[in-house]
Structures are given as structure tokens and as C-alpha cells.
């Protein structure tokens, strides 16, 4: 595991195998970006080398160079943070990506010093988090030798930001570990990650970090009337689970509820997916992984806010016992749903959890799901959608995503599309118009949100899983999308009180809970 530290030692004298610097394109060619204690040793010699190598400072560029004379390190890695922000320097996301590129490029190195222009606590955190995320590699199933992550990363800072920098690195360390935990879960094959052992992993982590965990097994789900979760999971030999993980704080005045879709494998059920669409369906629990990691991060950061995560876990498989198109499910809370498409199962499991979460009267609810291909077609693989029944709350979630460094876009919930969810035999159908399918899915979920509770829906179908090569601090495979976006409103609520300020959630009684 990569160790993060902070130092005010100059770049020329810091003991490290590698020094990482930024490079920008000046009016007369490439130049190193300002760093702590650089001095003349990092000017003339490196500038000539960078010019000779044709450095451009483009985002993702990485060039290995010999270190100038008088430098304790022997090697330099010059990374391109990309264009500066309107001449005002590089933003925190550019620094985060540059640090990620450096950590990936130097995999296997023992000690690396990051001499990037991090003049504030926020910038230091971006560099530290980018390095930790960039160093990530999923090697659990590799039998051949692979380069290990960088063992130790030191972030160079100025003396006047030493104290906020140390706090920033501690936050980055916690957030990075939890985000990488989510990545590990998403990358784990479905034969090794299914509802029961996912729930067991949550219980173990909850014990370790002081978060309360309760698990509803299939018998408790049946007794409680969780028809959506049970219906989706009935075709699998691995029964479903509903997991509640909660961080509570004695000084909290706000309670947030996060709901995560946790389809550990999605074959489409009887509405079977075509060849080519099944291979990455282990990723369909990315929402649950993000919720799990975000609650643990809140607990480890000891945020003075109550945060409850609901993980709706099921495996959607075709079999003689599987849910059929045309079946009617009685959801938790009593509403009935006609299932027109068993591959539109992702909205059925969080629907149950939304109703259940609402019984605890949270101040706001956010659900996270790899829900629709339609949203991916519309926004691509780098941006997730945010829908809400309240524009002000939607804007708060979008602002949280921007603060956290994730790309999100507001999407509407047109009432005109709601009519397509009409059922001839039940209260509502699970499938409606194909055009605008992502919005229709959001409208379906809205039907299960408690009245008067601010709610937002994050459709992370595109950015949750990177099918291409690594970029910046983003690896191939599971990305940990939405973890940072969920943690940020929890932090904001801890400082500004959040929506409603209604105080801790009401205690609830479980019909048959299996404490683990």
C-alpha cells in the first residue's frame, strides 16, 4: 500500500528515487512549473532537456530525465498537467490527474517526491489523492509478476501551508483507500462477489471502522415484503440481501441516506442481454460499492453528520425460478409493479431500499446506480447524470460533484414521459418509453421517494467502469465513480447543516435482522 507523507524539504535536497515536476509550454518552449525549493538546479539544465525532447506539457505527457547536478535524486519525471486555467495556474483536477500519471508511470519505484505546484491545502490534497488513485492496480487474479505500486509518495509543500497540507494528506489517504476499496469490489468477478459475501465484507468493514451494519437475508426480506429485491434475485441460487450501514455522530444535526444499486451480476434475466453486453456486467453493483465506501469514509473522517447507506444486493439470472416479463411484484410499502422487462431490474432493487430509507425520515436521499444504457449513450463514459425532483437540491449535488472533481450533468424529469410507465394490471410498470429511457428510469424511482424529502438520482452507467486504457488517475476497470461526490455533501452538511436540519434518524425495528 502506498504511504503518503508531506515535507517542506526542497526539491533538490529531498531524499527520493524520483522527483516529479510539472512542465508547461511557455512562449519560448517548455518550462518546469514552479515548485517548492526548486532553485537554479531545476531551471536551465532541465529546460534544455525538455526542449530537446519536444515536451509540450500536454495532459498525460510523461518524460523521464536525468536529474540536474546537485540533486539528491538521480531521476526526474516531467509530467504535463495540461493548459493552465485562464492564465491563473493549474486547477486542482489538473494536478490530481498529473499526480495520477506520475504514480502509474513510476509503478515499482520505492520513493517518489511530488514537486508539483501545490500552494494550498486543496492543491496538496489533489496531488496526494491523485497519486494514491493513480497507484492503484487490481492484481488479485494475476499469476505473473506485476510492478507493485509506488511504496512511498512525499508531497513537497511550502512552510506556510505545512499544517493544512498535513490535514489534506490525511483526508486524501482516507478517501483514496475507500475509493480503491470500491474499485476492488467492482473489479471482483461475480463468481467471487455475490450478495451474501458482499454483505459479509460490509459487516467486517463496519466492525473495523465503527459503522453499524445490519443485514436482511432472504427470509427477512420475505417477511418484510421486499418484493423488488426478492423478485430480481429469485432466479439465482445466490439469494439477495439488503444491507444497512450507518455512521452516526453525537453532534450531528443532519441525516443523509444513500441508496446503492447492487446487482452483483446482471445477465438481463429472462430478457437476456445479447452477446457482447454481458462481459462487464459484474460492474452492475458499482452504486452499492460507492455507497459502502462513502459511508466508511464518513465514519473514518468522523464527520459530525449521520450517514446511512442502503445496499440493495441481488444477482439477476435466468432460470426456471426467474422473474418473467408480465409478472407483478408487490414492493416494500405495498405498491405493485408490472415487470415488462427483466433487464430493467436495476430500478426495482433501489425502489425497495428508497421506501425503507424514507421510513427513517432522513433530511435528504441520494441513490446511485449503473442504471441505463440510455444515459451512457447521451453523456458518454466520462460524465454521470443527476436527476432530482427539486432543482435546488439537484444543484447542490452537482456542486458537490464539481468540488470533488467528478464530472456530472443535470438531466430533467419530464412529466410527459411518466405516462409511459402505465400498467394495465398494476400500479406502475417498470419499463416505459425507450427514447429518454434514462429519464424514464428516474421517473420510476421518484415514485418510491417519500414525499417532501429532497432526493437526487445519480446514473453512473458510463463512468463507473473504464473499458479503455488507464488515463490520469483513472484505471482500467472499476473507477470508484461517485464516492467523492457522496462524501462531499456529507462534509458540507457537517458544516452548513444541510437540507432540513431535522436531526438524527428515528430508531427503527427490523423484523428479522441478521447482525453480523
Protein backbone atom coordinates (compact mmCIF):
# COMPACT_ATOMS: atom_id res chain seq x y z
CA UNK A 1 0.00 0.00 0.00
CA UNK A 2 1.33 3.43 -0.91
CA UNK A 3 2.35 5.61 2.06
CA UNK A 4 1.71 9.36 1.80
CA UNK A 5 3.85 11.95 3.59
CA UNK A 6 4.44 15.71 3.49
CA UNK A 7 7.74 17.59 3.58
CA UNK A 8 8.96 21.17 3.31
CA UNK A 9 12.38 19.96 2.11
CA UNK A 10 13.45 21.48 -1.19
CA UNK A 11 13.11 19.52 -4.40
CA UNK A 12 16.86 19.49 -4.86
CA UNK A 13 17.60 18.02 -1.43
CA UNK A 14 14.66 15.70 -0.74
CA UNK A 15 15.81 12.06 -0.46
CA UNK A 16 13.87 10.15 -3.11
CA UNK A 17 14.48 7.89 -6.07
CA UNK A 18 12.42 10.14 -8.32
CA UNK A 19 11.43 13.79 -8.36
CA UNK A 20 8.23 14.56 -10.25
CA UNK A 21 7.84 18.04 -11.71
CA UNK A 22 5.25 19.65 -13.93
CA UNK A 23 6.03 21.10 -17.32
CA UNK A 24 4.17 23.85 -19.14
CA UNK A 25 4.50 25.33 -22.60
CA UNK A 26 5.92 28.84 -22.34
CA UNK A 27 6.24 31.45 -25.06
CA UNK A 28 9.72 30.18 -25.91
CA UNK A 29 9.21 26.49 -25.26
CA UNK A 30 8.64 24.08 -22.39
CA UNK A 31 9.44 25.22 -18.85
CA UNK A 32 9.19 23.48 -15.47
CA UNK A 33 6.26 24.70 -13.38
CA UNK A 34 7.14 26.47 -10.11
CA UNK A 35 7.81 24.09 -7.22
CA UNK A 36 8.97 24.37 -3.63
CA UNK A 37 12.71 24.97 -3.26
CA UNK A 38 13.49 24.30 -6.91
CA UNK A 39 16.35 26.75 -7.24
CA UNK A 40 18.65 27.02 -10.22
CA UNK A 41 19.20 23.26 -10.31
CA UNK A 42 15.80 22.80 -11.90
CA UNK A 43 15.96 25.63 -14.40
CA UNK A 44 18.50 25.79 -17.21
CA UNK A 45 19.50 22.16 -17.44
CA UNK A 46 16.01 20.70 -17.38
CA UNK A 47 14.62 23.34 -19.70
CA UNK A 48 17.19 22.43 -22.35
CA UNK A 49 16.43 18.74 -21.95
CA UNK A 50 12.68 19.31 -22.16
CA UNK A 51 13.12 21.40 -25.29
CA UNK A 52 15.30 18.78 -26.91
CA UNK A 53 12.76 16.05 -26.18
CA UNK A 54 9.91 18.09 -27.62
CA UNK A 55 7.97 18.36 -24.37
CA UNK A 56 4.61 20.07 -24.76
CA UNK A 57 3.12 19.96 -21.28
CA UNK A 58 0.04 18.22 -22.68
CA UNK A 59 -2.18 16.44 -20.23
CA UNK A 60 -0.95 12.88 -19.70
CA UNK A 61 2.56 13.53 -21.05
CA UNK A 62 5.34 11.87 -19.00
CA UNK A 63 9.06 12.15 -19.78
CA UNK A 64 11.89 10.52 -17.80
CA UNK A 65 15.04 12.63 -17.43
CA UNK A 66 18.35 12.55 -15.54
CA UNK A 67 18.28 14.80 -12.51
CA UNK A 68 20.36 18.01 -12.59
CA UNK A 69 23.67 18.12 -10.76
CA UNK A 70 23.33 18.86 -7.08
CA UNK A 71 20.04 16.97 -6.73
CA UNK A 72 19.86 14.05 -4.29
CA UNK A 73 17.51 12.15 -6.57
CA UNK A 74 19.03 10.66 -9.69
CA UNK A 75 15.98 10.80 -11.92
CA UNK A 76 13.23 13.26 -12.81
CA UNK A 77 9.79 12.58 -14.24
CA UNK A 78 8.28 15.56 -16.05
CA UNK A 79 4.51 15.33 -16.34
CA UNK A 80 2.15 17.54 -18.27
CA UNK A 81 -0.77 18.95 -16.28
CA UNK A 82 -2.29 20.39 -19.45
CA UNK A 83 -3.23 24.00 -20.22
CA UNK A 84 -3.37 26.43 -17.32
CA UNK A 85 -6.76 27.76 -16.21
CA UNK A 86 -7.14 31.16 -17.88
CA UNK A 87 -3.57 32.07 -17.06
CA UNK A 88 -4.21 31.65 -13.33
CA UNK A 89 -2.27 28.41 -12.92
CA UNK A 90 -3.36 24.80 -12.97
CA UNK A 91 -6.58 23.79 -11.24
CA UNK A 92 -6.80 21.03 -8.69
CA UNK A 93 -8.19 18.49 -11.16
CA UNK A 94 -5.21 19.06 -13.48
CA UNK A 95 -2.88 18.47 -10.53
CA UNK A 96 -4.83 15.38 -9.50
CA UNK A 97 -4.50 13.89 -12.98
CA UNK A 98 -0.81 14.79 -13.28
CA UNK A 99 -0.05 13.08 -9.96
CA UNK A 100 -2.02 10.05 -11.13
CA UNK A 101 0.01 9.82 -14.33
CA UNK A 102 3.21 10.03 -12.29
CA UNK A 103 2.16 7.25 -9.91
CA UNK A 104 1.18 4.95 -12.79
CA UNK A 105 4.35 5.67 -14.75
CA UNK A 106 6.59 5.02 -11.77
CA UNK A 107 4.92 1.80 -10.61
CA UNK A 108 7.53 -0.27 -8.80
CA UNK A 109 9.57 2.71 -7.59
CA UNK A 110 10.50 2.82 -3.93
CA UNK A 111 10.28 6.53 -3.10
CA UNK A 112 8.82 9.35 -5.18
CA UNK A 113 8.70 13.06 -4.34
CA UNK A 114 5.97 15.10 -6.00
CA UNK A 115 7.24 18.63 -6.63
CA UNK A 116 4.09 19.84 -8.34
CA UNK A 117 2.78 23.41 -7.80
CA UNK A 118 0.66 22.70 -4.73
CA UNK A 119 0.49 26.02 -2.91
CA UNK A 120 -2.72 25.45 -0.93
CA UNK A 121 -4.18 22.71 1.22
CA UNK A 122 -6.71 21.95 -1.52
CA UNK A 123 -3.96 21.60 -4.11
CA UNK A 124 -1.92 19.37 -1.79
CA UNK A 125 -4.92 17.11 -1.29
CA UNK A 126 -5.45 16.91 -5.05
CA UNK A 127 -1.82 15.86 -5.60
CA UNK A 128 -1.91 13.30 -2.78
CA UNK A 129 -5.25 11.82 -3.83
CA UNK A 130 -4.25 11.70 -7.49
CA UNK A 131 -1.09 9.80 -6.58
CA UNK A 132 -2.93 7.28 -4.41
CA UNK A 133 -5.59 6.69 -7.06
CA UNK A 134 -3.05 6.55 -9.87
CA UNK A 135 -1.01 3.96 -7.99
CA UNK A 136 -4.00 1.60 -7.85
CA UNK A 137 -3.75 -1.78 -9.58
CA UNK A 138 -6.09 -4.77 -9.33
CA UNK A 139 -3.79 -7.80 -9.20
CA UNK A 140 -5.79 -10.32 -7.16
CA UNK A 141 -6.09 -12.72 -10.10
CA UNK A 142 -2.64 -12.23 -11.66
CA UNK A 143 -0.25 -15.17 -11.59
CA UNK A 144 2.63 -13.38 -13.31
CA UNK A 145 4.81 -10.74 -11.67
CA UNK A 146 3.50 -7.21 -11.95
CA UNK A 147 5.10 -3.95 -10.83
CA UNK A 148 3.92 -3.02 -7.36
CA UNK A 149 2.56 0.46 -6.62
CA UNK A 150 4.99 3.15 -5.52
CA UNK A 151 5.92 2.36 -1.92
CA UNK A 152 6.15 5.91 -0.59
CA UNK A 153 5.00 9.23 -2.03
CA UNK A 154 6.12 12.52 -0.49
CA UNK A 155 4.34 15.74 -1.39
CA UNK A 156 6.54 18.86 -1.33
CA UNK A 157 4.88 21.92 0.22
CA UNK A 158 5.79 25.42 1.34
CA UNK A 159 6.39 26.07 5.04
CA UNK A 160 3.33 28.32 5.32
CA UNK A 161 0.93 25.54 4.25
CA UNK A 162 2.53 22.69 6.24
CA UNK A 163 -0.32 22.39 8.77
CA UNK A 164 -3.26 22.43 6.30
CA UNK A 165 -1.20 20.21 3.99
CA UNK A 166 -0.86 17.51 6.64
CA UNK A 167 -4.63 17.54 7.24
CA UNK A 168 -5.23 17.46 3.48
CA UNK A 169 -3.00 14.42 3.05
CA UNK A 170 -4.79 12.60 5.87
CA UNK A 171 -8.15 13.21 4.17
CA UNK A 172 -6.70 12.14 0.81
CA UNK A 173 -5.36 8.96 2.36
CA UNK A 174 -8.76 8.00 3.78
CA UNK A 175 -10.71 8.96 0.68
CA UNK A 176 -8.24 7.23 -1.61
CA UNK A 177 -8.33 3.99 0.37
CA UNK A 178 -12.12 3.90 0.36
CA UNK A 179 -12.37 4.76 -3.32
CA UNK A 180 -9.90 1.98 -4.09
CA UNK A 181 -11.99 -0.36 -1.92
CA UNK A 182 -14.94 0.38 -4.21
CA UNK A 183 -12.75 -0.28 -7.26
CA UNK A 184 -11.70 -3.66 -5.86
CA UNK A 185 -15.33 -4.68 -5.37
CA UNK A 186 -16.33 -3.63 -8.89
CA UNK A 187 -13.36 -5.48 -10.39
CA UNK A 188 -14.00 -8.72 -8.50
CA UNK A 189 -15.61 -11.38 -10.74
CA UNK A 190 -19.22 -12.24 -9.98
CA UNK A 191 -18.35 -15.82 -9.05
CA UNK A 192 -16.35 -14.40 -6.13
CA UNK A 193 -18.63 -11.49 -5.23
CA UNK A 194 -22.32 -12.19 -4.69
CA UNK A 195 -24.93 -10.78 -2.29
CA UNK A 196 -24.06 -12.87 0.75
CA UNK A 197 -20.31 -12.38 0.80
CA UNK A 198 -20.69 -8.72 -0.24
CA UNK A 199 -22.82 -8.31 2.90
CA UNK A 200 -20.20 -10.15 4.94
CA UNK A 201 -17.49 -7.78 3.68
CA UNK A 202 -19.61 -4.78 4.67
CA UNK A 203 -20.13 -6.21 8.16
CA UNK A 204 -16.39 -6.79 8.62
CA UNK A 205 -15.50 -3.27 7.48
CA UNK A 206 -18.22 -1.82 9.68
CA UNK A 207 -16.73 -3.52 12.74
CA UNK A 208 -13.27 -2.26 11.83
CA UNK A 209 -14.28 1.38 11.38
CA UNK A 210 -17.14 1.79 13.85
CA UNK A 211 -20.09 1.78 11.44
CA UNK A 212 -23.22 -0.12 12.45
CA UNK A 213 -24.23 -2.85 10.00
CA UNK A 214 -27.39 -4.93 9.76
CA UNK A 215 -28.18 -7.44 7.05
CA UNK A 216 -31.58 -8.66 5.94
CA UNK A 217 -31.34 -12.17 4.48
CA UNK A 218 -33.87 -13.73 2.12
CA UNK A 219 -36.15 -14.81 4.95
CA UNK A 220 -36.16 -11.35 6.50
CA UNK A 221 -36.78 -9.81 3.06
CA UNK A 222 -39.74 -12.10 2.51
CA UNK A 223 -41.15 -11.35 5.97
CA UNK A 224 -40.74 -7.64 5.35
CA UNK A 225 -42.33 -7.63 1.92
CA UNK A 226 -39.33 -6.53 -0.13
CA UNK A 227 -40.80 -7.70 -3.42
CA UNK A 228 -38.43 -5.81 -5.71
CA UNK A 229 -35.19 -7.18 -4.27
CA UNK A 230 -36.62 -10.67 -3.91
CA UNK A 231 -38.13 -10.67 -7.39
CA UNK A 232 -34.87 -9.72 -9.08
CA UNK A 233 -32.90 -12.25 -7.06
CA UNK A 234 -35.27 -15.21 -7.31
CA UNK A 235 -33.66 -16.59 -10.46
CA UNK A 236 -30.28 -17.05 -8.81
CA UNK A 237 -29.05 -19.80 -6.48
CA UNK A 238 -27.40 -16.98 -4.53
CA UNK A 239 -30.17 -15.21 -2.62
CA UNK A 240 -30.39 -11.42 -2.28
CA UNK A 241 -29.58 -9.20 0.69
CA UNK A 242 -30.42 -5.71 1.90
CA UNK A 243 -27.59 -4.19 3.91
CA UNK A 244 -27.84 -1.12 6.12
CA UNK A 245 -24.55 0.52 7.12
CA UNK A 246 -24.68 3.64 9.28
CA UNK A 247 -22.28 6.23 10.63
CA UNK A 248 -23.78 8.23 13.48
CA UNK A 249 -22.30 11.16 15.37
CA UNK A 250 -23.34 12.61 18.72
CA UNK A 251 -23.09 16.17 17.37
CA UNK A 252 -24.96 15.53 14.13
CA UNK A 253 -27.90 17.73 13.20
CA UNK A 254 -28.40 16.28 9.73
CA UNK A 255 -29.10 12.79 8.44
CA UNK A 256 -28.35 11.73 4.86
CA UNK A 257 -29.43 8.45 3.29
CA UNK A 258 -27.55 6.93 0.35
CA UNK A 259 -29.08 4.07 -1.65
CA UNK A 260 -26.93 1.91 -3.92
CA UNK A 261 -27.94 -0.49 -6.65
CA UNK A 262 -26.03 -3.72 -6.06
CA UNK A 263 -26.66 -6.17 -8.89
CA UNK A 264 -23.61 -8.36 -8.44
CA UNK A 265 -24.17 -9.79 -11.91
CA UNK A 266 -26.75 -8.76 -14.47
CA UNK A 267 -27.49 -11.27 -17.22
CA UNK A 268 -30.72 -9.45 -18.03
CA UNK A 269 -32.71 -12.36 -16.62
CA UNK A 270 -35.33 -13.81 -18.97
CA UNK A 271 -34.90 -10.63 -21.07
CA UNK A 272 -31.37 -11.89 -21.71
CA UNK A 273 -28.68 -9.48 -22.79
CA UNK A 274 -27.10 -10.13 -26.21
CA UNK A 275 -23.57 -11.40 -26.71
CA UNK A 276 -21.13 -8.57 -26.12
CA UNK A 277 -23.21 -6.95 -23.39
CA UNK A 278 -22.62 -9.48 -20.62
CA UNK A 279 -18.85 -9.39 -20.21
CA UNK A 280 -18.66 -6.39 -17.88
CA UNK A 281 -21.91 -6.93 -16.01
CA UNK A 282 -20.01 -7.62 -12.79
CA UNK A 283 -19.86 -3.81 -12.66
CA UNK A 284 -23.61 -3.53 -12.02
CA UNK A 285 -23.02 -3.25 -8.28
CA UNK A 286 -20.96 -0.06 -8.66
CA UNK A 287 -23.65 2.03 -6.98
CA UNK A 288 -23.66 -0.16 -3.88
CA UNK A 289 -19.86 -0.14 -3.80
CA UNK A 290 -19.84 3.67 -3.95
CA UNK A 291 -22.38 3.95 -1.12
CA UNK A 292 -20.46 1.46 1.02
CA UNK A 293 -17.16 3.32 0.52
CA UNK A 294 -18.73 6.73 1.12
CA UNK A 295 -20.28 5.74 4.46
CA UNK A 296 -16.97 4.22 5.59
CA UNK A 297 -15.16 7.41 4.57
CA UNK A 298 -17.63 9.47 6.62
CA UNK A 299 -17.02 7.19 9.59
CA UNK A 300 -13.24 7.28 9.26
CA UNK A 301 -13.26 11.08 8.86
CA UNK A 302 -15.57 11.26 11.92
CA UNK A 303 -17.87 13.71 10.19
CA UNK A 304 -20.48 15.27 12.53
CA UNK A 305 -23.35 14.09 10.36
CA UNK A 306 -25.43 10.91 10.32
CA UNK A 307 -24.98 8.96 7.10
CA UNK A 308 -26.89 5.77 6.35
CA UNK A 309 -26.15 3.58 3.37
CA UNK A 310 -28.60 1.06 1.92
CA UNK A 311 -27.10 -1.60 -0.31
CA UNK A 312 -29.73 -3.48 -2.33
CA UNK A 313 -27.89 -6.65 -3.41
CA UNK A 314 -29.15 -9.27 -5.86
CA UNK A 315 -27.96 -11.39 -8.78
CA UNK A 316 -30.16 -11.19 -11.89
CA UNK A 317 -30.06 -14.62 -13.55
CA UNK A 318 -32.25 -16.63 -15.97
CA UNK A 319 -33.56 -19.92 -14.61
CA UNK A 320 -36.74 -21.87 -14.03
CA UNK A 321 -37.43 -19.72 -10.99
CA UNK A 322 -36.55 -16.39 -12.58
CA UNK A 323 -38.79 -13.38 -12.77
CA UNK A 324 -40.82 -13.35 -16.01
CA UNK A 325 -41.95 -10.45 -18.19
CA UNK A 326 -45.54 -9.84 -17.21
CA UNK A 327 -45.10 -10.80 -13.55
CA UNK A 328 -46.33 -8.37 -10.90
CA UNK A 329 -44.26 -7.61 -7.81
CA UNK A 330 -45.55 -6.16 -4.57
CA UNK A 331 -42.83 -3.77 -3.48
CA UNK A 332 -41.82 -2.80 0.03
CA UNK A 333 -44.51 -0.42 1.18
CA UNK A 334 -47.26 -2.13 -0.81
CA UNK A 335 -47.15 -0.66 -4.33
CA UNK A 336 -47.36 -3.11 -7.22
CA UNK A 337 -45.12 -3.13 -10.27
CA UNK A 338 -45.70 -4.97 -13.53
CA UNK A 339 -42.37 -6.21 -14.85
CA UNK A 340 -42.35 -5.69 -18.61
CA UNK A 341 -38.60 -6.17 -18.99
CA UNK A 342 -36.48 -8.19 -16.56
CA UNK A 343 -33.39 -6.34 -17.78
CA UNK A 344 -34.89 -3.19 -16.28
CA UNK A 345 -34.25 -4.76 -12.89
CA UNK A 346 -31.83 -2.12 -11.68
CA UNK A 347 -34.64 0.20 -10.72
CA UNK A 348 -36.54 -2.47 -8.78
CA UNK A 349 -33.95 -3.11 -6.08
CA UNK A 350 -33.28 0.54 -5.13
CA UNK A 351 -37.02 1.20 -5.20
CA UNK A 352 -37.48 -1.10 -2.20
CA UNK A 353 -34.50 0.50 -0.47
CA UNK A 354 -35.75 4.04 -1.15
CA UNK A 355 -39.02 3.31 0.62
CA UNK A 356 -37.22 1.68 3.52
CA UNK A 357 -34.70 4.51 3.81
CA UNK A 358 -37.54 7.03 3.86
CA UNK A 359 -39.05 5.43 6.95
CA UNK A 360 -36.13 6.81 8.95
CA UNK A 361 -37.02 10.37 7.90
CA UNK A 362 -33.65 11.47 6.54
CA UNK A 363 -33.06 15.08 5.57
CA UNK A 364 -32.14 14.04 2.04
CA UNK A 365 -31.76 10.89 -0.06
CA UNK A 366 -29.34 10.20 -2.92
CA UNK A 367 -29.44 6.99 -4.92
CA UNK A 368 -26.57 5.78 -7.09
CA UNK A 369 -26.90 3.23 -9.88
CA UNK A 370 -25.39 1.99 -13.11
CA UNK A 371 -28.94 2.22 -14.33
CA UNK A 372 -29.39 2.78 -18.06
CA UNK A 373 -27.56 2.45 -21.34
CA UNK A 374 -29.62 5.45 -22.48
CA UNK A 375 -27.76 7.74 -20.10
CA UNK A 376 -24.46 6.32 -21.26
CA UNK A 377 -25.42 6.94 -24.89
CA UNK A 378 -26.38 10.50 -24.06
CA UNK A 379 -23.47 11.54 -21.80
CA UNK A 380 -20.71 9.12 -22.75
CA UNK A 381 -18.28 7.36 -20.44
CA UNK A 382 -16.88 10.32 -18.50
CA UNK A 383 -19.98 12.11 -17.20
CA UNK A 384 -22.79 10.87 -14.97
CA UNK A 385 -26.34 12.19 -14.86
CA UNK A 386 -28.01 13.89 -11.92
CA UNK A 387 -31.81 13.98 -11.71
CA UNK A 388 -33.92 15.31 -8.87
CA UNK A 389 -37.42 16.40 -8.06
CA UNK A 390 -36.07 19.63 -6.58
CA UNK A 391 -33.84 21.89 -8.69
CA UNK A 392 -32.14 23.46 -5.68
CA UNK A 393 -31.14 20.10 -4.25
CA UNK A 394 -30.03 18.87 -7.68
CA UNK A 395 -27.79 21.93 -7.96
CA UNK A 396 -26.29 21.18 -4.54
CA UNK A 397 -25.41 17.66 -5.63
CA UNK A 398 -23.93 18.96 -8.88
CA UNK A 399 -21.87 21.48 -6.95
CA UNK A 400 -20.64 18.69 -4.68
CA UNK A 401 -19.56 16.68 -7.72
CA UNK A 402 -17.66 19.66 -9.12
CA UNK A 403 -15.98 20.31 -5.77
CA UNK A 404 -14.97 16.66 -5.61
CA UNK A 405 -13.54 16.65 -9.13
CA UNK A 406 -16.17 14.42 -10.79
CA UNK A 407 -17.98 15.29 -13.99
CA UNK A 408 -21.78 15.38 -13.69
CA UNK A 409 -24.58 16.89 -15.73
CA UNK A 410 -28.15 17.89 -14.79
CA UNK A 411 -30.93 15.97 -16.51
CA UNK A 412 -34.69 16.67 -16.39
CA UNK A 413 -37.58 14.51 -15.24
CA UNK A 414 -40.22 15.41 -17.87
CA UNK A 415 -43.70 14.64 -16.61
CA UNK A 416 -44.72 13.85 -20.19
CA UNK A 417 -42.68 10.64 -20.02
CA UNK A 418 -44.27 9.44 -16.80
CA UNK A 419 -47.37 8.22 -18.63
CA UNK A 420 -45.31 5.61 -20.45
CA UNK A 421 -44.95 3.75 -17.14
CA UNK A 422 -48.68 2.98 -17.14
CA UNK A 423 -49.59 -0.63 -16.39
CA UNK A 424 -52.82 -2.35 -17.35
CA UNK A 425 -52.75 -4.57 -14.26
CA UNK A 426 -50.56 -2.94 -11.60
CA UNK A 427 -49.92 0.45 -10.04
CA UNK A 428 -46.95 1.08 -12.34
CA UNK A 429 -44.78 -0.69 -14.92
CA UNK A 430 -41.01 -0.98 -14.65
CA UNK A 431 -40.42 -0.04 -18.28
CA UNK A 432 -41.66 2.80 -20.44
CA UNK A 433 -40.64 4.79 -23.49
CA UNK A 434 -37.32 3.73 -24.94
CA UNK A 435 -36.40 7.23 -26.11
CA UNK A 436 -35.31 9.09 -23.00
CA UNK A 437 -35.00 5.78 -21.18
CA UNK A 438 -32.66 7.19 -18.55
CA UNK A 439 -35.21 9.86 -17.66
CA UNK A 440 -38.00 7.29 -17.54
CA UNK A 441 -35.94 5.25 -15.06
CA UNK A 442 -35.51 8.35 -12.93
CA UNK A 443 -39.26 8.96 -13.02
CA UNK A 444 -39.85 5.37 -11.89
CA UNK A 445 -37.55 5.79 -8.89
CA UNK A 446 -39.21 9.09 -7.98
CA UNK A 447 -42.42 7.15 -7.34
CA UNK A 448 -40.75 5.46 -4.34
CA UNK A 449 -39.24 8.54 -2.71
CA UNK A 450 -41.00 9.71 0.46
CA UNK A 451 -42.98 12.93 -0.17
CA UNK A 452 -41.21 16.09 0.95
CA UNK A 453 -37.74 14.55 1.21
CA UNK A 454 -35.12 16.09 -1.11
CA UNK A 455 -33.90 13.36 -3.45
CA UNK A 456 -31.36 13.02 -6.23
CA UNK A 457 -30.63 10.14 -8.57
CA UNK A 458 -27.13 9.56 -9.97
CA UNK A 459 -26.98 7.40 -13.08
CA UNK A 460 -23.31 6.39 -13.30
CA UNK A 461 -23.67 3.83 -16.11
CA UNK A 462 -20.93 5.43 -18.20
CA UNK A 463 -18.08 6.43 -15.88
CA UNK A 464 -18.41 3.60 -13.34
CA UNK A 465 -16.33 1.20 -15.45
CA UNK A 466 -13.50 2.13 -17.81
CA UNK A 467 -13.33 -0.33 -20.71
CA UNK A 468 -10.37 1.50 -22.25
CA UNK A 469 -6.81 2.12 -21.14
CA UNK A 470 -5.86 3.99 -17.97
CA UNK A 471 -5.84 7.78 -18.02
CA UNK A 472 -4.78 10.28 -15.39
CA UNK A 473 -5.68 8.71 -12.04
CA UNK A 474 -8.40 6.54 -13.61
CA UNK A 475 -7.50 2.86 -14.12
CA UNK A 476 -8.98 0.34 -16.49
CA UNK A 477 -11.98 -1.41 -14.94
CA UNK A 478 -13.80 -0.13 -11.88
CA UNK A 479 -13.28 3.58 -11.29
CA UNK A 480 -14.93 4.24 -7.92
CA UNK A 481 -17.22 6.77 -9.54
CA UNK A 482 -19.50 8.77 -7.19
CA UNK A 483 -17.63 8.01 -3.97
CA UNK A 484 -16.16 11.52 -3.85
CA UNK A 485 -19.47 13.07 -4.85
CA UNK A 486 -21.26 11.33 -1.97
CA UNK A 487 -18.63 12.22 0.63
CA UNK A 488 -18.69 15.91 -0.29
CA UNK A 489 -22.35 16.62 0.63
CA UNK A 490 -21.80 14.75 3.87
CA UNK A 491 -18.92 17.10 4.63
CA UNK A 492 -20.98 20.09 3.53
CA UNK A 493 -23.87 19.00 5.75
CA UNK A 494 -21.46 18.71 8.66
CA UNK A 495 -20.53 22.36 8.30
CA UNK A 496 -23.67 24.07 6.97
CA UNK A 497 -26.35 21.80 8.45
CA UNK A 498 -27.59 20.54 5.11
CA UNK A 499 -31.21 20.44 3.98
CA UNK A 500 -33.81 20.42 6.68
CA UNK A 501 -31.58 20.12 9.81
CA UNK A 502 -34.05 17.68 11.31
CA UNK A 503 -31.53 15.82 13.46
CA UNK A 504 -30.71 12.14 13.82
CA UNK A 505 -32.80 9.48 12.18
CA UNK A 506 -35.56 7.81 14.14
CA UNK A 507 -34.70 4.39 15.54
CA UNK A 508 -36.26 1.54 13.58
CA UNK A 509 -37.18 -2.05 14.28
CA UNK A 510 -36.08 -4.84 11.95
CA UNK A 511 -38.48 -7.72 11.54
CA UNK A 512 -35.72 -10.29 11.39
CA UNK A 513 -32.29 -8.78 11.08
CA UNK A 514 -29.14 -10.78 10.94
CA UNK A 515 -26.50 -8.75 12.72
CA UNK A 516 -23.03 -9.59 11.54
